[in-house]
Each structure stands twice: as C-alpha cells, then as structure tokens.
C-alpha cells in the first residue's frame, strides 16, 4: 500500500531569524531553560569566538531535564570550549544565534558558512517542529537552546571529537545530551542539511520525550531528516512519503529491533549490522507514519513515553502499543516494504 501524506501550514511568525552574528555562549549549561550570556563585540577574540567560550570559568550545576536529575560534567563542557577555541583560528570558526519559532534557539558555531546557507539547513528543522505538532500533537512548551557545531570537513570533525576523547569513526554527526551540543561534519550541500536535521531531531526528542529507546530516537531522526517540502507565500506543503532504499540489507523484524537496544554501540556489533539497525529503525517509523496513519502508532508511542520522561518504556510495552491495532504486523510490514521503490 503506497500512501502520500501531505501537510500544508503557515509558519507566519515562526521563521528563522538570526539574532546575533556573534555567539551567545553558555555560562550554565541546562536543557530547559538554558542560561545564556551575551558577550559584547569588545569581548570577542581575533579567532571570532567570545572570551566566555575560550576561558570558561564559573559555576556548573546539576541540570534539570523534566525533573530528572542529569549530572552535567563540568570537565566535558570545559573541554568542548577549550577544544573549539584551539581550533577556532585554523578552521575560521564564526558564531551566530538563530531563533526557530518562539521556543527554540540554535547557537551555531561554524566554519564561516553564509547566513543564508545556515538558515536553509535550519528551515528544515523548523518544518519538522511543525510536523511534530501536526501529526503527534507535540510542541516545545519551554525555552530550549541547542548548540550546533558545524565543522568544515570530515577530517576536522574527527580531529575535534578525538580531542574530546569521543570516537567518531562511524559517524558524521554526534549529539551529546549531557551538554546539549551537536557536532556535524560538512561533506556536501545534500548531506549537511540532512545531518543537521538528524542531530537536532535527537535534541528535540530529548526535550519532548525525555529518555526513550534508541530505535525510536534513531528511526525518527533518520526518517525526518529526509522530509521534503515546498514553500510558496510562506505556506509550506510537506511530503512525508519520501522513502526509498536498496532492499538489502533486509530490515530486522520489529521485535528484533525493539529488543536490540544494547546492540547499537559500535563495540557490540559489526558496522554492517549496525547500519542495518539504523535502516531498520527508519523502515519501521516510515511504515508506522505512512501505512498506520489512522492508528497513529508513533503518536501513541510518544505520548506514552512522555508520561514518565525519566525512564523509557520496556521492549514489551513498545510492542504492545505497536501491535495492538494491527493483526499480522510483520506480514503487512513486509508487504509495504517490498512495494517501496529502490534507489
């Protein structure tokens, strides 16, 4: 069964606005809300980053996420700041603050990309927020600030994350929930917009859902990074039926995927099987959104996760929600998957 889902909505007043071409660097790192410290232009260094980022001092405290105490590692935050400052001149890092809607700000540290280019990448994130509200009845109700670092190439990305003692060999983007920083590597125009969307979906999911299963988190990020839309007179028409991929490797069954929570770490599984996990998560989210739209299973999953955002649902609880309205889930999924076009 091939379905097309189109959404049309107006984002009047929700457009991306660059508020300041010089970054607002965090003093206290929180997820909701984030304390922002604006640095004057006099405080900037010749590398283009404010002194607050280069020489972090001051207090670090436990950050509250949905009343769940998450310890913020002061050393990690310091390392991020010092690492960025050490690479700032070499990579020509610049900073800007962008507002999406009235709740989300994205502080961007990037390799001197043009404002219009960054706005284009973030516009997709703004669309995703609107689709979340339209399909899943989810929206940000409290201020959220995300820090996005866009590095000029994959080598720079690996170098920066290696300086932070983070293994990036299997990725081109990382979201660090304990600091609310996302790091992405620029490869080309097509890739970077998708990678930015993927990592920021993780940050949005964390704010909206709290703790939730890896397959759901990665499935949503993989699916929505490919969202397609057109714009005319500030009205967006969004198509979610954007799915295609090679048929191999075949996806895991929904039960195998849901019970594979411990297998996502690179040390737990070989790269081919890990790639299969990502593809399988996207496959099942795509199926639930496109084929099971009347039951709106994804909305049910997200609503159930939000009831206790300090812990995630168990595998059996996920499966109970997924399968309760659909007989022969695996068989209907297989039929749907075989009908999808290949790349």
C-alpha atoms as a PDB file:
ATOM      1  CA  UNK A   1       0.000   0.000   0.000  1.00  0.00           C
ATOM      2  CA  UNK A   2       1.563   3.244  -1.115  1.00  0.00           C
ATOM      3  CA  UNK A   3       0.443   6.350   0.698  1.00  0.00           C
ATOM      4  CA  UNK A   4       1.258  10.012   0.377  1.00  0.00           C
ATOM      5  CA  UNK A   5       0.896  12.283   3.349  1.00  0.00           C
ATOM      6  CA  UNK A   6       0.789  15.991   2.634  1.00  0.00           C
ATOM      7  CA  UNK A   7       0.616  18.706   5.241  1.00  0.00           C
ATOM      8  CA  UNK A   8       0.050  22.350   4.466  1.00  0.00           C
ATOM      9  CA  UNK A   9       0.589  25.012   7.081  1.00  0.00           C
ATOM     10  CA  UNK A  10       1.643  28.601   7.516  1.00  0.00           C
ATOM     11  CA  UNK A  11       4.708  29.439   9.549  1.00  0.00           C
ATOM     12  CA  UNK A  12       3.956  33.137   9.788  1.00  0.00           C
ATOM     13  CA  UNK A  13       5.917  34.429  12.734  1.00  0.00           C
ATOM     14  CA  UNK A  14       7.810  31.158  13.004  1.00  0.00           C
ATOM     15  CA  UNK A  15      10.557  31.873  10.516  1.00  0.00           C
ATOM     16  CA  UNK A  16      14.213  31.558  11.330  1.00  0.00           C
ATOM     17  CA  UNK A  17      15.758  34.807  12.491  1.00  0.00           C
ATOM     18  CA  UNK A  18      19.423  35.391  13.029  1.00  0.00           C
ATOM     19  CA  UNK A  19      19.528  37.440  16.189  1.00  0.00           C
ATOM     20  CA  UNK A  20      23.215  37.974  16.605  1.00  0.00           C
ATOM     21  CA  UNK A  21      26.176  37.234  14.378  1.00  0.00           C
ATOM     22  CA  UNK A  22      28.348  36.797  17.465  1.00  0.00           C
ATOM     23  CA  UNK A  23      27.574  33.723  19.516  1.00  0.00           C
ATOM     24  CA  UNK A  24      25.735  33.743  22.804  1.00  0.00           C
ATOM     25  CA  UNK A  25      27.971  31.409  24.776  1.00  0.00           C
ATOM     26  CA  UNK A  26      26.523  29.357  27.616  1.00  0.00           C
ATOM     27  CA  UNK A  27      27.600  30.026  31.166  1.00  0.00           C
ATOM     28  CA  UNK A  28      25.419  27.480  32.955  1.00  0.00           C
ATOM     29  CA  UNK A  29      24.572  24.534  30.754  1.00  0.00           C
ATOM     30  CA  UNK A  30      20.944  23.459  31.039  1.00  0.00           C
ATOM     31  CA  UNK A  31      18.497  21.927  28.658  1.00  0.00           C
ATOM     32  CA  UNK A  32      15.326  23.686  29.770  1.00  0.00           C
ATOM     33  CA  UNK A  33      15.858  26.513  30.135  1.00  0.00           C
ATOM     34  CA  UNK A  34      19.423  27.392  29.207  1.00  0.00           C
ATOM     35  CA  UNK A  35      21.092  30.390  30.806  1.00  0.00           C
ATOM     36  CA  UNK A  36      22.616  32.435  28.025  1.00  0.00           C
ATOM     37  CA  UNK A  37      25.311  35.045  28.450  1.00  0.00           C
ATOM     38  CA  UNK A  38      25.623  37.580  25.652  1.00  0.00           C
ATOM     39  CA  UNK A  39      29.143  38.745  25.012  1.00  0.00           C
ATOM     40  CA  UNK A  40      29.779  42.229  23.694  1.00  0.00           C
ATOM     41  CA  UNK A  41      31.688  42.692  20.476  1.00  0.00           C
ATOM     42  CA  UNK A  42      34.593  44.019  22.523  1.00  0.00           C
ATOM     43  CA  UNK A  43      34.876  40.666  24.253  1.00  0.00           C
ATOM     44  CA  UNK A  44      35.469  38.809  21.007  1.00  0.00           C
ATOM     45  CA  UNK A  45      38.904  37.434  20.263  1.00  0.00           C
ATOM     46  CA  UNK A  46      40.514  37.641  16.876  1.00  0.00           C
ATOM     47  CA  UNK A  47      39.543  33.983  16.317  1.00  0.00           C
ATOM     48  CA  UNK A  48      35.909  35.075  16.250  1.00  0.00           C
ATOM     49  CA  UNK A  49      34.765  33.362  19.459  1.00  0.00           C
ATOM     50  CA  UNK A  50      33.907  35.198  22.689  1.00  0.00           C
ATOM     51  CA  UNK A  51      36.171  35.078  25.711  1.00  0.00           C
ATOM     52  CA  UNK A  52      33.482  33.330  27.708  1.00  0.00           C
ATOM     53  CA  UNK A  53      33.822  30.365  25.357  1.00  0.00           C
ATOM     54  CA  UNK A  54      37.611  30.462  25.298  1.00  0.00           C
ATOM     55  CA  UNK A  55      38.187  30.830  29.025  1.00  0.00           C
ATOM     56  CA  UNK A  56      35.262  29.193  30.801  1.00  0.00           C
ATOM     57  CA  UNK A  57      35.058  29.905  34.490  1.00  0.00           C
ATOM     58  CA  UNK A  58      32.233  29.971  36.955  1.00  0.00           C
ATOM     59  CA  UNK A  59      29.658  27.580  38.301  1.00  0.00           C
ATOM     60  CA  UNK A  60      28.408  24.260  36.992  1.00  0.00           C
ATOM     61  CA  UNK A  61      25.385  22.621  38.500  1.00  0.00           C
ATOM     62  CA  UNK A  62      23.006  19.713  38.134  1.00  0.00           C
ATOM     63  CA  UNK A  63      20.753  20.316  35.155  1.00  0.00           C
ATOM     64  CA  UNK A  64      17.071  19.501  35.433  1.00  0.00           C
ATOM     65  CA  UNK A  65      15.514  17.686  32.477  1.00  0.00           C
ATOM     66  CA  UNK A  66      11.809  17.024  33.052  1.00  0.00           C
ATOM     67  CA  UNK A  67      12.532  16.876  36.810  1.00  0.00           C
ATOM     68  CA  UNK A  68      15.081  14.130  36.149  1.00  0.00           C
ATOM     69  CA  UNK A  69      18.456  14.988  37.619  1.00  0.00           C
ATOM     70  CA  UNK A  70      21.140  14.688  34.960  1.00  0.00           C
ATOM     71  CA  UNK A  71      24.625  15.474  36.142  1.00  0.00           C
ATOM     72  CA  UNK A  72      26.419  17.868  33.837  1.00  0.00           C
ATOM     73  CA  UNK A  73      30.096  17.025  33.616  1.00  0.00           C
ATOM     74  CA  UNK A  74      31.930  20.325  34.070  1.00  0.00           C
ATOM     75  CA  UNK A  75      35.090  18.824  32.629  1.00  0.00           C
ATOM     76  CA  UNK A  76      33.261  17.837  29.434  1.00  0.00           C
ATOM     77  CA  UNK A  77      31.897  21.360  28.989  1.00  0.00           C
ATOM     78  CA  UNK A  78      35.299  22.894  29.636  1.00  0.00           C
ATOM     79  CA  UNK A  79      36.881  20.513  27.158  1.00  0.00           C
ATOM     80  CA  UNK A  80      34.362  21.479  24.483  1.00  0.00           C
ATOM     81  CA  UNK A  81      35.051  25.167  24.992  1.00  0.00           C
ATOM     82  CA  UNK A  82      38.818  24.848  25.082  1.00  0.00           C
ATOM     83  CA  UNK A  83      38.823  22.480  22.117  1.00  0.00           C
ATOM     84  CA  UNK A  84      36.743  24.840  19.999  1.00  0.00           C
ATOM     85  CA  UNK A  85      38.969  27.750  20.938  1.00  0.00           C
ATOM     86  CA  UNK A  86      42.094  25.812  19.974  1.00  0.00           C
ATOM     87  CA  UNK A  87      40.659  25.055  16.517  1.00  0.00           C
ATOM     88  CA  UNK A  88      38.944  28.423  16.033  1.00  0.00           C
ATOM     89  CA  UNK A  89      41.598  30.200  14.016  1.00  0.00           C
ATOM     90  CA  UNK A  90      42.619  27.185  11.954  1.00  0.00           C
ATOM     91  CA  UNK A  91      39.026  26.446  10.937  1.00  0.00           C
ATOM     92  CA  UNK A  92      37.862  30.096  10.763  1.00  0.00           C
ATOM     93  CA  UNK A  93      35.031  29.405  13.192  1.00  0.00           C
ATOM     94  CA  UNK A  94      32.269  32.005  13.356  1.00  0.00           C
ATOM     95  CA  UNK A  95      29.180  32.210  15.539  1.00  0.00           C
ATOM     96  CA  UNK A  96      25.506  33.116  15.261  1.00  0.00           C
ATOM     97  CA  UNK A  97      22.251  32.670  17.153  1.00  0.00           C
ATOM     98  CA  UNK A  98      19.103  31.620  15.297  1.00  0.00           C
ATOM     99  CA  UNK A  99      15.524  31.542  16.577  1.00  0.00           C
ATOM    100  CA  UNK A 100      13.040  28.915  15.380  1.00  0.00           C
ATOM    101  CA  UNK A 101       9.517  29.724  16.459  1.00  0.00           C
ATOM    102  CA  UNK A 102       9.166  31.216  19.921  1.00  0.00           C
ATOM    103  CA  UNK A 103      10.720  28.426  21.986  1.00  0.00           C
ATOM    104  CA  UNK A 104      13.849  27.148  20.227  1.00  0.00           C
ATOM    105  CA  UNK A 105      17.188  28.883  19.754  1.00  0.00           C
ATOM    106  CA  UNK A 106      20.113  27.303  17.955  1.00  0.00           C
ATOM    107  CA  UNK A 107      23.526  28.735  18.749  1.00  0.00           C
ATOM    108  CA  UNK A 108      25.689  27.882  15.753  1.00  0.00           C
ATOM    109  CA  UNK A 109      29.478  27.691  15.669  1.00  0.00           C
ATOM    110  CA  UNK A 110      30.515  27.051  12.097  1.00  0.00           C
ATOM    111  CA  UNK A 111      33.326  27.299   9.597  1.00  0.00           C
ATOM    112  CA  UNK A 112      32.283  30.646   8.162  1.00  0.00           C
ATOM    113  CA  UNK A 113      29.239  29.425   6.258  1.00  0.00           C
ATOM    114  CA  UNK A 114      26.949  32.093   4.863  1.00  0.00           C
ATOM    115  CA  UNK A 115      23.914  33.108   6.878  1.00  0.00           C
ATOM    116  CA  UNK A 116      21.539  32.126   4.067  1.00  0.00           C
ATOM    117  CA  UNK A 117      23.109  28.676   3.943  1.00  0.00           C
ATOM    118  CA  UNK A 118      22.675  28.055   7.675  1.00  0.00           C
ATOM    119  CA  UNK A 119      19.118  29.412   7.511  1.00  0.00           C
ATOM    120  CA  UNK A 120      18.330  26.903   4.781  1.00  0.00           C
ATOM    121  CA  UNK A 121      19.546  23.983   6.875  1.00  0.00           C
ATOM    122  CA  UNK A 122      17.640  25.169   9.944  1.00  0.00           C
ATOM    123  CA  UNK A 123      14.451  25.808   7.989  1.00  0.00           C
ATOM    124  CA  UNK A 124      14.046  22.045   7.692  1.00  0.00           C
ATOM    125  CA  UNK A 125      14.245  21.752  11.486  1.00  0.00           C
ATOM    126  CA  UNK A 126      11.528  24.383  11.803  1.00  0.00           C
ATOM    127  CA  UNK A 127       9.353  22.354   9.422  1.00  0.00           C
ATOM    128  CA  UNK A 128       9.968  19.224  11.495  1.00  0.00           C
ATOM    129  CA  UNK A 129       8.795  21.029  14.634  1.00  0.00           C
ATOM    130  CA  UNK A 130       5.574  21.979  12.842  1.00  0.00           C
ATOM    131  CA  UNK A 131       5.050  18.416  11.595  1.00  0.00           C
ATOM    132  CA  UNK A 132       5.601  17.061  15.123  1.00  0.00           C
ATOM    133  CA  UNK A 133       2.833  19.377  16.285  1.00  0.00           C
ATOM    134  CA  UNK A 134       0.543  18.460  13.375  1.00  0.00           C
ATOM    135  CA  UNK A 135       0.987  14.678  13.445  1.00  0.00           C
ATOM    136  CA  UNK A 136       1.966  13.889  17.023  1.00  0.00           C
ATOM    137  CA  UNK A 137       0.453  16.811  18.951  1.00  0.00           C
ATOM    138  CA  UNK A 138       3.895  17.598  20.349  1.00  0.00           C
ATOM    139  CA  UNK A 139       5.485  21.018  20.658  1.00  0.00           C
ATOM    140  CA  UNK A 140       8.044  22.745  22.802  1.00  0.00           C
ATOM    141  CA  UNK A 141       6.356  24.407  25.756  1.00  0.00           C
ATOM    142  CA  UNK A 142       9.526  25.682  27.432  1.00  0.00           C
ATOM    143  CA  UNK A 143      12.545  27.505  26.073  1.00  0.00           C
ATOM    144  CA  UNK A 144      15.207  25.258  24.591  1.00  0.00           C
ATOM    145  CA  UNK A 145      18.671  26.248  23.414  1.00  0.00           C
ATOM    146  CA  UNK A 146      20.754  23.847  21.334  1.00  0.00           C
ATOM    147  CA  UNK A 147      24.424  24.331  20.492  1.00  0.00           C
ATOM    148  CA  UNK A 148      25.322  23.257  16.967  1.00  0.00           C
ATOM    149  CA  UNK A 149      28.940  22.985  15.803  1.00  0.00           C
ATOM    150  CA  UNK A 150      29.332  22.642  12.020  1.00  0.00           C
ATOM    151  CA  UNK A 151      32.877  21.641  11.100  1.00  0.00           C
ATOM    152  CA  UNK A 152      34.319  22.289   7.622  1.00  0.00           C
ATOM    153  CA  UNK A 153      35.128  18.690   6.654  1.00  0.00           C
ATOM    154  CA  UNK A 154      35.132  15.146   7.967  1.00  0.00           C
ATOM    155  CA  UNK A 155      38.804  15.324   8.983  1.00  0.00           C
ATOM    156  CA  UNK A 156      38.156  18.391  11.147  1.00  0.00           C
ATOM    157  CA  UNK A 157      35.149  16.641  12.653  1.00  0.00           C
ATOM    158  CA  UNK A 158      37.242  13.616  13.601  1.00  0.00           C
ATOM    159  CA  UNK A 159      40.031  15.845  14.971  1.00  0.00           C
ATOM    160  CA  UNK A 160      37.714  17.889  17.193  1.00  0.00           C
ATOM    161  CA  UNK A 161      35.878  14.873  18.587  1.00  0.00           C
ATOM    162  CA  UNK A 162      39.140  12.986  19.096  1.00  0.00           C
ATOM    163  CA  UNK A 163      40.325  15.943  21.178  1.00  0.00           C
ATOM    164  CA  UNK A 164      37.216  15.382  23.288  1.00  0.00           C
ATOM    165  CA  UNK A 165      38.007  11.651  23.561  1.00  0.00           C
ATOM    166  CA  UNK A 166      34.902  10.776  21.522  1.00  0.00           C
ATOM    167  CA  UNK A 167      35.032   8.039  18.901  1.00  0.00           C
ATOM    168  CA  UNK A 168      33.621   9.488  15.679  1.00  0.00           C
ATOM    169  CA  UNK A 169      34.935   6.882  13.262  1.00  0.00           C
ATOM    170  CA  UNK A 170      31.454   5.568  12.491  1.00  0.00           C
ATOM    171  CA  UNK A 171      29.673   8.900  12.117  1.00  0.00           C
ATOM    172  CA  UNK A 172      29.427  12.335  10.593  1.00  0.00           C
ATOM    173  CA  UNK A 173      27.274  13.753  13.394  1.00  0.00           C
ATOM    174  CA  UNK A 174      27.022  13.428  17.192  1.00  0.00           C
ATOM    175  CA  UNK A 175      24.536  14.776  19.728  1.00  0.00           C
ATOM    176  CA  UNK A 176      25.789  14.949  23.322  1.00  0.00           C
ATOM    177  CA  UNK A 177      22.747  15.091  25.580  1.00  0.00           C
ATOM    178  CA  UNK A 178      24.693  15.891  28.764  1.00  0.00           C
ATOM    179  CA  UNK A 179      25.952  19.155  27.248  1.00  0.00           C
ATOM    180  CA  UNK A 180      23.282  19.813  24.595  1.00  0.00           C
ATOM    181  CA  UNK A 181      25.968  20.210  21.929  1.00  0.00           C
ATOM    182  CA  UNK A 182      25.643  18.714  18.450  1.00  0.00           C
ATOM    183  CA  UNK A 183      28.675  18.263  16.202  1.00  0.00           C
ATOM    184  CA  UNK A 184      28.338  17.700  12.459  1.00  0.00           C
ATOM    185  CA  UNK A 185      30.786  17.404   9.571  1.00  0.00           C
ATOM    186  CA  UNK A 186      30.290  19.155   6.248  1.00  0.00           C
ATOM    187  CA  UNK A 187      30.712  16.911   3.206  1.00  0.00           C
ATOM    188  CA  UNK A 188      28.417  18.487   0.630  1.00  0.00           C
ATOM    189  CA  UNK A 189      25.208  20.514   0.437  1.00  0.00           C
ATOM    190  CA  UNK A 190      22.940  17.491   0.170  1.00  0.00           C
ATOM    191  CA  UNK A 191      24.464  15.723   3.146  1.00  0.00           C
ATOM    192  CA  UNK A 192      24.888  18.595   5.585  1.00  0.00           C
ATOM    193  CA  UNK A 193      21.221  19.587   5.679  1.00  0.00           C
ATOM    194  CA  UNK A 194      20.242  16.014   6.467  1.00  0.00           C
ATOM    195  CA  UNK A 195      22.922  15.587   9.131  1.00  0.00           C
ATOM    196  CA  UNK A 196      21.984  18.852  10.850  1.00  0.00           C
ATOM    197  CA  UNK A 197      18.323  17.797  10.863  1.00  0.00           C
ATOM    198  CA  UNK A 198      19.194  14.326  12.178  1.00  0.00           C
ATOM    199  CA  UNK A 199      21.208  15.599  15.130  1.00  0.00           C
ATOM    200  CA  UNK A 200      18.752  18.360  16.048  1.00  0.00           C
ATOM    201  CA  UNK A 201      15.867  15.872  15.959  1.00  0.00           C
ATOM    202  CA  UNK A 202      17.768  13.997  18.681  1.00  0.00           C
ATOM    203  CA  UNK A 203      17.937  17.175  20.770  1.00  0.00           C
ATOM    204  CA  UNK A 204      14.243  17.924  20.204  1.00  0.00           C
ATOM    205  CA  UNK A 205      13.276  14.333  21.026  1.00  0.00           C
ATOM    206  CA  UNK A 206      15.258  14.509  24.242  1.00  0.00           C
ATOM    207  CA  UNK A 207      13.450  17.696  25.263  1.00  0.00           C
ATOM    208  CA  UNK A 208       9.988  16.427  24.302  1.00  0.00           C
ATOM    209  CA  UNK A 209      10.155  12.773  25.333  1.00  0.00           C
ATOM    210  CA  UNK A 210      12.861  12.549  27.951  1.00  0.00           C
ATOM    211  CA  UNK A 211      14.538   9.162  27.915  1.00  0.00           C
ATOM    212  CA  UNK A 212      13.347   6.800  25.196  1.00  0.00           C
ATOM    213  CA  UNK A 213      14.543   3.805  23.199  1.00  0.00           C
ATOM    214  CA  UNK A 214      17.403   4.139  20.752  1.00  0.00           C
ATOM    215  CA  UNK A 215      15.455   2.549  17.889  1.00  0.00           C
ATOM    216  CA  UNK A 216      12.683   5.153  18.237  1.00  0.00           C
ATOM    217  CA  UNK A 217      15.134   8.035  18.521  1.00  0.00           C
ATOM    218  CA  UNK A 218      17.230   6.966  15.525  1.00  0.00           C
ATOM    219  CA  UNK A 219      14.189   5.972  13.476  1.00  0.00           C
ATOM    220  CA  UNK A 220      12.618   9.416  13.890  1.00  0.00           C
ATOM    221  CA  UNK A 221      15.908  11.192  13.135  1.00  0.00           C
ATOM    222  CA  UNK A 222      16.595   9.053  10.049  1.00  0.00           C
ATOM    223  CA  UNK A 223      13.067   9.466   8.736  1.00  0.00           C
ATOM    224  CA  UNK A 224      12.577  13.182   9.296  1.00  0.00           C
ATOM    225  CA  UNK A 225      15.994  14.212   8.011  1.00  0.00           C
ATOM    226  CA  UNK A 226      14.619  13.330   4.549  1.00  0.00           C
ATOM    227  CA  UNK A 227      11.465  15.394   4.850  1.00  0.00           C
ATOM    228  CA  UNK A 228      10.585  17.165   1.593  1.00  0.00           C
ATOM    229  CA  UNK A 229       8.714  20.428   1.314  1.00  0.00           C
ATOM    230  CA  UNK A 230       7.939  23.317  -0.982  1.00  0.00           C
ATOM    231  CA  UNK A 231       7.267  26.884   0.024  1.00  0.00           C
ATOM    232  CA  UNK A 232       5.052  29.482  -1.595  1.00  0.00           C
ATOM    233  CA  UNK A 233       3.963  32.716   0.065  1.00  0.00           C
ATOM    234  CA  UNK A 234       5.079  31.430   3.473  1.00  0.00           C
ATOM    235  CA  UNK A 235       2.871  28.357   3.102  1.00  0.00           C
ATOM    236  CA  UNK A 236       4.674  25.023   3.254  1.00  0.00           C
ATOM    237  CA  UNK A 237       3.484  21.831   1.603  1.00  0.00           C
ATOM    238  CA  UNK A 238       5.225  18.875   3.176  1.00  0.00           C
ATOM    239  CA  UNK A 239       5.508  15.356   1.775  1.00  0.00           C
ATOM    240  CA  UNK A 240       6.412  12.548   4.141  1.00  0.00           C
ATOM    241  CA  UNK A 241       6.261   9.813   1.502  1.00  0.00           C
ATOM    242  CA  UNK A 242       9.936  10.287   0.678  1.00  0.00           C
ATOM    243  CA  UNK A 243      11.094   6.770   1.349  1.00  0.00           C
ATOM    244  CA  UNK A 244      13.312   4.674  -0.904  1.00  0.00           C
ATOM    245  CA  UNK A 245      16.346   2.482  -0.356  1.00  0.00           C
ATOM    246  CA  UNK A 246      18.028  -0.615  -1.629  1.00  0.00           C
ATOM    247  CA  UNK A 247      16.300  -3.781  -0.496  1.00  0.00           C
ATOM    248  CA  UNK A 248      19.471  -5.169   1.030  1.00  0.00           C
ATOM    249  CA  UNK A 249      20.155  -5.481   3.839  1.00  0.00           C
ATOM    250  CA  UNK A 250      16.690  -6.676   4.740  1.00  0.00           C
ATOM    251  CA  UNK A 251      15.267  -4.955   7.818  1.00  0.00           C
ATOM    252  CA  UNK A 252      15.122  -6.564  11.219  1.00  0.00           C
ATOM    253  CA  UNK A 253      11.677  -7.585  12.391  1.00  0.00           C
ATOM    254  CA  UNK A 254      10.037  -5.122  14.755  1.00  0.00           C
ATOM    255  CA  UNK A 255      10.546  -7.494  17.691  1.00  0.00           C
ATOM    256  CA  UNK A 256      14.247  -7.988  16.927  1.00  0.00           C
ATOM    257  CA  UNK A 257      14.680  -4.231  16.527  1.00  0.00           C
ATOM    258  CA  UNK A 258      12.929  -3.322  19.766  1.00  0.00           C
ATOM    259  CA  UNK A 259      14.872  -5.925  21.740  1.00  0.00           C
ATOM    260  CA  UNK A 260      18.223  -4.849  20.219  1.00  0.00           C
ATOM    261  CA  UNK A 261      18.607  -1.825  22.499  1.00  0.00           C
ATOM    262  CA  UNK A 262      22.041  -2.929  23.729  1.00  0.00           C
ATOM    263  CA  UNK A 263      23.384  -3.601  20.220  1.00  0.00           C
ATOM    264  CA  UNK A 264      23.721  -0.009  18.982  1.00  0.00           C
ATOM    265  CA  UNK A 265      27.165   0.626  20.440  1.00  0.00           C
ATOM    266  CA  UNK A 266      29.983   0.139  17.879  1.00  0.00           C
ATOM    267  CA  UNK A 267      31.735  -2.257  20.250  1.00  0.00           C
ATOM    268  CA  UNK A 268      28.661  -4.503  20.394  1.00  0.00           C
ATOM    269  CA  UNK A 269      28.087  -5.148  16.707  1.00  0.00           C
ATOM    270  CA  UNK A 270      29.935  -5.015  13.390  1.00  0.00           C
ATOM    271  CA  UNK A 271      29.444  -1.934  11.129  1.00  0.00           C
ATOM    272  CA  UNK A 272      27.238  -3.765   8.614  1.00  0.00           C
ATOM    273  CA  UNK A 273      24.783  -4.912  11.266  1.00  0.00           C
ATOM    274  CA  UNK A 274      24.832  -1.503  12.942  1.00  0.00           C
ATOM    275  CA  UNK A 275      23.952   0.126   9.636  1.00  0.00           C
ATOM    276  CA  UNK A 276      21.139  -2.393   9.357  1.00  0.00           C
ATOM    277  CA  UNK A 277      19.825  -1.240  12.744  1.00  0.00           C
ATOM    278  CA  UNK A 278      19.619   2.373  11.523  1.00  0.00           C
ATOM    279  CA  UNK A 279      17.909   1.363   8.292  1.00  0.00           C
ATOM    280  CA  UNK A 280      15.500  -0.924  10.111  1.00  0.00           C
ATOM    281  CA  UNK A 281      14.544   1.818  12.567  1.00  0.00           C
ATOM    282  CA  UNK A 282      13.836   4.156   9.668  1.00  0.00           C
ATOM    283  CA  UNK A 283      11.896   1.412   7.852  1.00  0.00           C
ATOM    284  CA  UNK A 284       9.542   0.836  10.760  1.00  0.00           C
ATOM    285  CA  UNK A 285       8.997   4.510  11.561  1.00  0.00           C
ATOM    286  CA  UNK A 286       8.243   5.095   7.859  1.00  0.00           C
ATOM    287  CA  UNK A 287       5.743   2.251   7.851  1.00  0.00           C
ATOM    288  CA  UNK A 288       4.021   3.450  11.011  1.00  0.00           C
ATOM    289  CA  UNK A 289       3.740   7.026   9.734  1.00  0.00           C
ATOM    290  CA  UNK A 290       2.660   6.192   6.173  1.00  0.00           C
ATOM    291  CA  UNK A 291       0.671   2.960   6.427  1.00  0.00           C
ATOM    292  CA  UNK A 292      -0.600   3.051  10.002  1.00  0.00           C
ATOM    293  CA  UNK A 293      -1.598   6.711   9.894  1.00  0.00           C
ATOM    294  CA  UNK A 294      -5.151   6.117  11.133  1.00  0.00           C
ATOM    295  CA  UNK A 295      -3.955   4.342  14.264  1.00  0.00           C
ATOM    296  CA  UNK A 296      -1.138   6.937  14.546  1.00  0.00           C
ATOM    297  CA  UNK A 297       1.079   4.462  16.341  1.00  0.00           C
ATOM    298  CA  UNK A 298       4.054   6.830  16.521  1.00  0.00           C
ATOM    299  CA  UNK A 299       1.882   9.412  18.282  1.00  0.00           C
ATOM    300  CA  UNK A 300       0.787   6.742  20.767  1.00  0.00           C
ATOM    301  CA  UNK A 301       4.387   5.708  21.423  1.00  0.00           C
ATOM    302  CA  UNK A 302       5.489   9.284  22.006  1.00  0.00           C
ATOM    303  CA  UNK A 303       2.520  10.080  24.227  1.00  0.00           C
ATOM    304  CA  UNK A 304       3.199   7.022  26.357  1.00  0.00           C
ATOM    305  CA  UNK A 305       6.896   7.909  26.681  1.00  0.00           C
ATOM    306  CA  UNK A 306       6.015  11.421  27.855  1.00  0.00           C
ATOM    307  CA  UNK A 307       4.052  10.069  30.823  1.00  0.00           C
ATOM    308  CA  UNK A 308       7.325   9.277  32.579  1.00  0.00           C
ATOM    309  CA  UNK A 309      10.129  11.133  30.888  1.00  0.00           C
ATOM    310  CA  UNK A 310      12.662   9.955  33.460  1.00  0.00           C
ATOM    311  CA  UNK A 311      12.685   6.418  32.052  1.00  0.00           C
ATOM    312  CA  UNK A 312      11.968   4.698  28.767  1.00  0.00           C
ATOM    313  CA  UNK A 313       9.317   2.124  28.008  1.00  0.00           C
ATOM    314  CA  UNK A 314      10.294  -1.523  28.082  1.00  0.00           C
ATOM    315  CA  UNK A 315      10.568  -3.534  24.874  1.00  0.00           C
ATOM    316  CA  UNK A 316       7.369  -5.404  25.702  1.00  0.00           C
ATOM    317  CA  UNK A 317       5.499  -2.135  26.303  1.00  0.00           C
ATOM    318  CA  UNK A 318       6.624  -0.826  22.912  1.00  0.00           C
ATOM    319  CA  UNK A 319       5.472  -3.996  21.178  1.00  0.00           C
ATOM    320  CA  UNK A 320       2.128  -3.973  22.957  1.00  0.00           C
ATOM    321  CA  UNK A 321       1.388  -0.474  21.619  1.00  0.00           C
ATOM    322  CA  UNK A 322       2.679  -1.239  18.122  1.00  0.00           C
ATOM    323  CA  UNK A 323       0.781  -4.490  17.665  1.00  0.00           C
ATOM    324  CA  UNK A 324      -2.479  -3.849  19.478  1.00  0.00           C
ATOM    325  CA  UNK A 325      -4.282  -2.282  16.481  1.00  0.00           C
ATOM    326  CA  UNK A 326      -2.689  -4.342  13.722  1.00  0.00           C
ATOM    327  CA  UNK A 327      -3.082  -8.032  13.076  1.00  0.00           C
ATOM    328  CA  UNK A 328      -0.142  -9.724  11.387  1.00  0.00           C
ATOM    329  CA  UNK A 329       2.094  -6.682  11.799  1.00  0.00           C
ATOM    330  CA  UNK A 330       5.170  -8.403  10.336  1.00  0.00           C
ATOM    331  CA  UNK A 331       3.320  -9.626   7.267  1.00  0.00           C
ATOM    332  CA  UNK A 332       1.795  -6.237   6.471  1.00  0.00           C
ATOM    333  CA  UNK A 333       5.138  -4.548   7.072  1.00  0.00           C
ATOM    334  CA  UNK A 334       6.851  -6.959   4.672  1.00  0.00           C
ATOM    335  CA  UNK A 335       4.225  -6.233   2.001  1.00  0.00           C
ATOM    336  CA  UNK A 336       4.691  -2.493   2.479  1.00  0.00           C
ATOM    337  CA  UNK A 337       8.483  -2.739   2.372  1.00  0.00           C
ATOM    338  CA  UNK A 338       8.504  -4.794  -0.819  1.00  0.00           C
ATOM    339  CA  UNK A 339       6.290  -2.171  -2.500  1.00  0.00           C
ATOM    340  CA  UNK A 340       8.678   0.726  -1.829  1.00  0.00           C
ATOM    341  CA  UNK A 341      10.850   1.952  -4.722  1.00  0.00           C
ATOM    342  CA  UNK A 342      14.549   1.240  -4.693  1.00  0.00           C
ATOM    343  CA  UNK A 343      17.162   3.966  -5.037  1.00  0.00           C
END
